[in-house]
PDB file of N, CA and C in Angstrom:
ATOM      1  N   MET A   1      10.923   2.383   2.158  1.00  0.00           N
ATOM      2  CA  MET A   1      10.475   1.857   0.696  1.00  0.00           C
ATOM      3  C   MET A   1       9.424   0.651   1.328  1.00  0.00           C
ATOM      4  N   LEU A   2       8.282   0.506   0.589  1.00  0.00           N
ATOM      5  CA  LEU A   2       7.768  -0.945   0.683  1.00  0.00           C
ATOM      6  C   LEU A   2       8.311  -1.931  -0.339  1.00  0.00           C
ATOM      7  N   ASP A   3       8.034  -3.594   0.656  1.00  0.00           N
ATOM      8  CA  ASP A   3       8.633  -4.282  -0.131  1.00  0.00           C
ATOM      9  C   ASP A   3       7.379  -4.860  -0.632  1.00  0.00           C
ATOM     10  N   ALA A   4       7.693  -6.191  -1.342  1.00  0.00           N
ATOM     11  CA  ALA A   4       6.296  -6.660  -2.345  1.00  0.00           C
ATOM     12  C   ALA A   4       5.494  -7.550  -1.253  1.00  0.00           C
ATOM     13  N   ALA A   5       5.823  -7.592  -0.009  1.00  0.00           N
ATOM     14  CA  ALA A   5       4.702  -8.095   1.115  1.00  0.00           C
ATOM     15  C   ALA A   5       3.684  -7.308   1.390  1.00  0.00           C
ATOM     16  N   HIS A   6       3.996  -5.818   1.148  1.00  0.00           N
ATOM     17  CA  HIS A   6       3.647  -4.726   1.704  1.00  0.00           C
ATOM     18  C   HIS A   6       2.899  -3.790   0.800  1.00  0.00           C
ATOM     19  N   THR A   7       3.135  -4.310  -0.524  1.00  0.00           N
ATOM     20  CA  THR A   7       2.207  -3.202  -1.198  1.00  0.00           C
ATOM     21  C   THR A   7       0.763  -3.909  -1.506  1.00  0.00           C
ATOM     22  N   VAL A   8       0.455  -2.491  -1.634  1.00  0.00           N
ATOM     23  CA  VAL A   8      -1.509  -2.533  -2.082  1.00  0.00           C
ATOM     24  C   VAL A   8      -1.709  -2.849  -3.622  1.00  0.00           C
ATOM     25  N   PRO A   9      -2.545  -3.345  -3.441  1.00  0.00           N
ATOM     26  CA  PRO A   9      -2.903  -3.394  -5.164  1.00  0.00           C
ATOM     27  C   PRO A   9      -3.746  -1.888  -5.434  1.00  0.00           C
ATOM     28  N   SER A  10      -3.279  -1.492  -6.810  1.00  0.00           N
ATOM     29  CA  SER A  10      -3.941  -0.213  -6.973  1.00  0.00           C
ATOM     30  C   SER A  10      -5.244  -0.534  -7.518  1.00  0.00           C
ATOM     31  N   PRO A  11      -6.481   0.731  -7.265  1.00  0.00           N
ATOM     32  CA  PRO A  11      -7.656   0.379  -7.533  1.00  0.00           C
ATOM     33  C   PRO A  11      -7.898   0.137  -9.070  1.00  0.00           C
ATOM     34  N   SER A  12      -8.968  -0.069  -9.788  1.00  0.00           N
ATOM     35  CA  SER A  12      -9.067  -0.293 -10.858  1.00  0.00           C
ATOM     36  C   SER A  12      -9.118   1.015 -11.940  1.00  0.00           C
ATOM     37  N   LEU A  13      -8.471   1.224 -13.017  1.00  0.00           N
ATOM     38  CA  LEU A  13      -8.620   2.224 -13.530  1.00  0.00           C
ATOM     39  C   LEU A  13      -9.888   2.937 -13.838  1.00  0.00           C
ATOM     40  N   SER A  14     -10.856   1.915 -14.195  1.00  0.00           N
ATOM     41  CA  SER A  14     -12.267   2.649 -14.435  1.00  0.00           C
ATOM     42  C   SER A  14     -12.627   3.045 -12.978  1.00  0.00           C
ATOM     43  N   ALA A  15     -12.569   2.787 -11.739  1.00  0.00           N
ATOM     44  CA  ALA A  15     -12.893   3.800 -10.531  1.00  0.00           C
ATOM     45  C   ALA A  15     -12.118   4.940 -10.153  1.00  0.00           C
ATOM     46  N   ALA A  16     -10.788   4.782 -10.683  1.00  0.00           N
ATOM     47  CA  ALA A  16      -9.847   5.902 -10.622  1.00  0.00           C
ATOM     48  C   ALA A  16     -10.187   6.983 -11.522  1.00  0.00           C
ATOM     49  N   ALA A  17     -10.498   6.704 -12.641  1.00  0.00           N
ATOM     50  CA  ALA A  17     -10.749   7.607 -13.679  1.00  0.00           C
ATOM     51  C   ALA A  17     -12.171   8.128 -14.249  1.00  0.00           C
ATOM     52  N   SER A  18     -13.039   7.388 -13.079  1.00  0.00           N
ATOM     53  CA  SER A  18     -14.248   7.894 -13.336  1.00  0.00           C
ATOM     54  C   SER A  18     -14.494   9.218 -13.010  1.00  0.00           C
ATOM     55  N   PRO A  19     -14.972  10.217 -13.401  1.00  0.00           N
ATOM     56  CA  PRO A  19     -15.388  11.609 -12.671  1.00  0.00           C
ATOM     57  C   PRO A  19     -16.690  12.006 -11.648  1.00  0.00           C
ATOM     58  N   SER A  20     -17.351  11.015 -12.192  1.00  0.00           N
ATOM     59  CA  SER A  20     -18.552  10.875 -10.802  1.00  0.00           C
ATOM     60  C   SER A  20     -18.212   9.506 -10.422  1.00  0.00           C
ATOM     61  N   HIS A  21     -17.837   9.838  -8.891  1.00  0.00           N
ATOM     62  CA  HIS A  21     -17.897   8.271  -8.376  1.00  0.00           C
ATOM     63  C   HIS A  21     -18.917   7.811  -7.558  1.00  0.00           C
ATOM     64  N   SER A  22     -19.958   6.962  -8.019  1.00  0.00           N
ATOM     65  CA  SER A  22     -20.790   6.206  -6.827  1.00  0.00           C
ATOM     66  C   SER A  22     -19.889   5.641  -5.591  1.00  0.00           C
ATOM     67  N   GLU A  23     -20.849   5.263  -4.677  1.00  0.00           N
ATOM     68  CA  GLU A  23     -20.497   4.711  -3.600  1.00  0.00           C
ATOM     69  C   GLU A  23     -19.525   3.403  -3.800  1.00  0.00           C
ATOM     70  N   GLU A  24     -20.203   2.762  -5.035  1.00  0.00           N
ATOM     71  CA  GLU A  24     -19.647   1.457  -5.329  1.00  0.00           C
ATOM     72  C   GLU A  24     -18.416   1.200  -5.938  1.00  0.00           C
ATOM     73  N   SER A  25     -17.956   2.356  -6.632  1.00  0.00           N
ATOM     74  CA  SER A  25     -16.853   2.631  -7.432  1.00  0.00           C
ATOM     75  C   SER A  25     -15.513   3.160  -7.118  1.00  0.00           C
ATOM     76  N   VAL A  26     -15.958   3.691  -5.427  1.00  0.00           N
ATOM     77  CA  VAL A  26     -14.780   4.199  -4.779  1.00  0.00           C
ATOM     78  C   VAL A  26     -13.925   3.218  -3.974  1.00  0.00           C
ATOM     79  N   PRO A  27     -12.902   3.226  -3.934  1.00  0.00           N
ATOM     80  CA  PRO A  27     -12.053   2.199  -3.482  1.00  0.00           C
ATOM     81  C   PRO A  27     -12.011   2.234  -2.084  1.00  0.00           C
ATOM     82  N   VAL A  28     -11.999   1.159  -1.405  1.00  0.00           N
ATOM     83  CA  VAL A  28     -11.820   1.322   0.216  1.00  0.00           C
ATOM     84  C   VAL A  28     -10.789   0.399   0.560  1.00  0.00           C
ATOM     85  N   TRP A  29     -10.239   0.835   1.402  1.00  0.00           N
ATOM     86  CA  TRP A  29      -8.748   0.182   2.369  1.00  0.00           C
ATOM     87  C   TRP A  29      -8.784   0.305   3.441  1.00  0.00           C
ATOM     88  N   ARG A  30      -8.244  -0.929   4.418  1.00  0.00           N
ATOM     89  CA  ARG A  30      -8.515  -0.639   5.453  1.00  0.00           C
ATOM     90  C   ARG A  30      -6.874   0.152   5.979  1.00  0.00           C
ATOM     91  N   ALA A  31      -7.238   0.801   7.063  1.00  0.00           N
ATOM     92  CA  ALA A  31      -5.791   1.324   7.489  1.00  0.00           C
ATOM     93  C   ALA A  31      -5.092   0.677   7.832  1.00  0.00           C
ATOM     94  N   GLU A  32      -5.374  -0.439   8.763  1.00  0.00           N
ATOM     95  CA  GLU A  32      -4.273  -1.434   9.153  1.00  0.00           C
ATOM     96  C   GLU A  32      -3.990  -2.022   7.895  1.00  0.00           C
ATOM     97  N   ALA A  33      -4.335  -2.423   7.168  1.00  0.00           N
ATOM     98  CA  ALA A  33      -3.447  -2.952   6.131  1.00  0.00           C
ATOM     99  C   ALA A  33      -2.862  -2.173   5.240  1.00  0.00           C
ATOM    100  N   LEU A  34      -2.963  -0.899   5.185  1.00  0.00           N
ATOM    101  CA  LEU A  34      -1.788   0.251   4.571  1.00  0.00           C
ATOM    102  C   LEU A  34      -0.888  -0.056   5.452  1.00  0.00           C
ATOM    103  N   THR A  35      -1.059   0.628   6.859  1.00  0.00           N
ATOM    104  CA  THR A  35      -0.079   0.689   8.013  1.00  0.00           C
ATOM    105  C   THR A  35       0.784  -0.580   8.494  1.00  0.00           C
ATOM    106  N   GLY A  36       0.057  -1.573   8.296  1.00  0.00           N
ATOM    107  CA  GLY A  36       0.730  -2.914   9.295  1.00  0.00           C
ATOM    108  C   GLY A  36       0.857  -2.458  10.936  1.00  0.00           C
ATOM    109  N   PRO A  37       1.563  -3.751  11.060  1.00  0.00           N
ATOM    110  CA  PRO A  37       1.516  -3.382  12.572  1.00  0.00           C
ATOM    111  C   PRO A  37       2.083  -2.680  13.539  1.00  0.00           C
ATOM    112  N   GLY A  38       2.964  -1.686  12.402  1.00  0.00           N
ATOM    113  CA  GLY A  38       3.469  -0.389  13.480  1.00  0.00           C
ATOM    114  C   GLY A  38       2.531   0.862  12.894  1.00  0.00           C
ATOM    115  N   GLY A  39       1.738   0.740  12.440  1.00  0.00           N
ATOM    116  CA  GLY A  39       0.570   1.905  12.348  1.00  0.00           C
ATOM    117  C   GLY A  39       0.733   3.034  11.672  1.00  0.00           C
ATOM    118  N   LEU A  40       1.807   2.629  10.643  1.00  0.00           N
ATOM    119  CA  LEU A  40       2.582   3.915   9.857  1.00  0.00           C
ATOM    120  C   LEU A  40       2.570   3.484   8.430  1.00  0.00           C
ATOM    121  N   ALA A  41       2.658   4.640   7.511  1.00  0.00           N
ATOM    122  CA  ALA A  41       2.759   4.062   6.281  1.00  0.00           C
ATOM    123  C   ALA A  41       3.479   5.452   5.464  1.00  0.00           C
ATOM    124  N   ARG A  42       4.128   5.302   4.516  1.00  0.00           N
ATOM    125  CA  ARG A  42       4.458   6.414   3.679  1.00  0.00           C
ATOM    126  C   ARG A  42       3.627   6.271   2.285  1.00  0.00           C
ATOM    127  N   ILE A  43       3.047   7.600   2.040  1.00  0.00           N
ATOM    128  CA  ILE A  43       2.383   6.932   0.755  1.00  0.00           C
ATOM    129  C   ILE A  43       2.983   8.381  -0.138  1.00  0.00           C
ATOM    130  N   ARG A  44       3.099   8.133  -1.431  1.00  0.00           N
ATOM    131  CA  ARG A  44       3.957   9.090  -2.551  1.00  0.00           C
ATOM    132  C   ARG A  44       2.686   9.636  -3.681  1.00  0.00           C
ATOM    133  N   LEU A  45       2.757  10.747  -3.890  1.00  0.00           N
ATOM    134  CA  LEU A  45       2.077  11.358  -4.591  1.00  0.00           C
ATOM    135  C   LEU A  45       2.897  12.183  -5.548  1.00  0.00           C
ATOM    136  N   GLY A  46       3.155  11.986  -6.899  1.00  0.00           N
ATOM    137  CA  GLY A  46       4.083  12.423  -7.565  1.00  0.00           C
ATOM    138  C   GLY A  46       5.098  12.677  -6.809  1.00  0.00           C
ATOM    139  N   GLU A  47       5.902  13.402  -6.910  1.00  0.00           N
ATOM    140  CA  GLU A  47       7.329  13.612  -5.933  1.00  0.00           C
ATOM    141  C   GLU A  47       7.368  14.083  -4.522  1.00  0.00           C
ATOM    142  N   ALA A  48       6.000  14.551  -4.081  1.00  0.00           N
ATOM    143  CA  ALA A  48       6.063  14.675  -2.627  1.00  0.00           C
ATOM    144  C   ALA A  48       5.656  12.730  -1.935  1.00  0.00           C
ATOM    145  N   CYS A  49       5.956  12.930  -0.600  1.00  0.00           N
ATOM    146  CA  CYS A  49       6.047  11.850   0.443  1.00  0.00           C
ATOM    147  C   CYS A  49       4.878  12.279   1.814  1.00  0.00           C
ATOM    148  N   TYR A  50       4.081  11.256   1.860  1.00  0.00           N
ATOM    149  CA  TYR A  50       3.451  11.850   2.655  1.00  0.00           C
ATOM    150  C   TYR A  50       3.355  10.494   4.112  1.00  0.00           C
ATOM    151  N   THR A  51       3.275  10.736   5.208  1.00  0.00           N
ATOM    152  CA  THR A  51       3.045   9.868   6.241  1.00  0.00           C
ATOM    153  C   THR A  51       1.719   9.589   6.449  1.00  0.00           C
ATOM    154  N   LEU A  52       1.013   8.513   6.523  1.00  0.00           N
ATOM    155  CA  LEU A  52      -0.222   8.217   7.219  1.00  0.00           C
ATOM    156  C   LEU A  52       0.265   7.146   8.460  1.00  0.00           C
ATOM    157  N   ARG A  53      -0.506   7.975  10.009  1.00  0.00           N
ATOM    158  CA  ARG A  53      -0.204   7.476  11.272  1.00  0.00           C
ATOM    159  C   ARG A  53      -1.475   7.139  11.721  1.00  0.00           C
ATOM    160  N   ILE A  54      -1.599   5.756  12.400  1.00  0.00           N
ATOM    161  CA  ILE A  54      -2.845   5.666  13.404  1.00  0.00           C
ATOM    162  C   ILE A  54      -2.724   5.932  14.617  1.00  0.00           C
ATOM    163  N   THR A  55      -3.132   6.743  15.335  1.00  0.00           N
ATOM    164  CA  THR A  55      -2.924   7.427  16.546  1.00  0.00           C
ATOM    165  C   THR A  55      -3.236   5.892  17.582  1.00  0.00           C
ATOM    166  N   ARG A  56      -3.022   6.143  18.906  1.00  0.00           N
ATOM    167  CA  ARG A  56      -3.636   5.487  19.964  1.00  0.00           C
ATOM    168  C   ARG A  56      -5.115   5.472  20.013  1.00  0.00           C
ATOM    169  N   ALA A  57      -5.303   6.828  19.798  1.00  0.00           N
ATOM    170  CA  ALA A  57      -6.975   6.926  20.072  1.00  0.00           C
ATOM    171  C   ALA A  57      -7.914   6.190  18.791  1.00  0.00           C
ATOM    172  N   GLY A  58      -6.852   5.568  17.854  1.00  0.00           N
ATOM    173  CA  GLY A  58      -7.546   5.152  16.835  1.00  0.00           C
ATOM    174  C   GLY A  58      -7.910   6.129  15.409  1.00  0.00           C
ATOM    175  N   LYS A  59      -7.645   7.283  15.329  1.00  0.00           N
ATOM    176  CA  LYS A  59      -7.508   8.203  14.571  1.00  0.00           C
ATOM    177  C   LYS A  59      -6.298   8.169  13.779  1.00  0.00           C
ATOM    178  N   LEU A  60      -6.753   8.786  12.562  1.00  0.00           N
ATOM    179  CA  LEU A  60      -5.878   8.773  11.243  1.00  0.00           C
ATOM    180  C   LEU A  60      -5.178  10.145  10.827  1.00  0.00           C
ATOM    181  N   ILE A  61      -3.698  10.420  10.863  1.00  0.00           N
ATOM    182  CA  ILE A  61      -3.192  11.599  10.613  1.00  0.00           C
ATOM    183  C   ILE A  61      -1.995  11.587   9.597  1.00  0.00           C
ATOM    184  N   LEU A  62      -2.291  12.141   8.440  1.00  0.00           N
ATOM    185  CA  LEU A  62      -1.518  12.484   7.195  1.00  0.00           C
ATOM    186  C   LEU A  62      -1.212  13.640   7.194  1.00  0.00           C
ATOM    187  N   THR A  63       0.560  13.188   7.525  1.00  0.00           N
ATOM    188  CA  THR A  63       1.446  14.995   7.436  1.00  0.00           C
ATOM    189  C   THR A  63       2.070  14.642   5.872  1.00  0.00           C
ATOM    190  N   LYS A  64       2.517  15.745   5.536  1.00  0.00           N
ATOM    191  CA  LYS A  64       3.833  15.984   4.565  1.00  0.00           C
ATOM    192  C   LYS A  64       5.036  15.690   5.077  1.00  0.00           C
TER     193      LYS A  64
END
């Protein structure tokens, strides 16, 4: 579970609710900011929990 020090602000509703996204309206997050120094983050979508991991090669892996 994330504590207040590791929470990431959610994107604005206008960017998230827009049916057509321009390059400027799509939120951009640094993977390192999401995962912290451990390179690992849990992401919830509805009832599902996913794991985001940065590999040693600098790639991202998202698993359920």
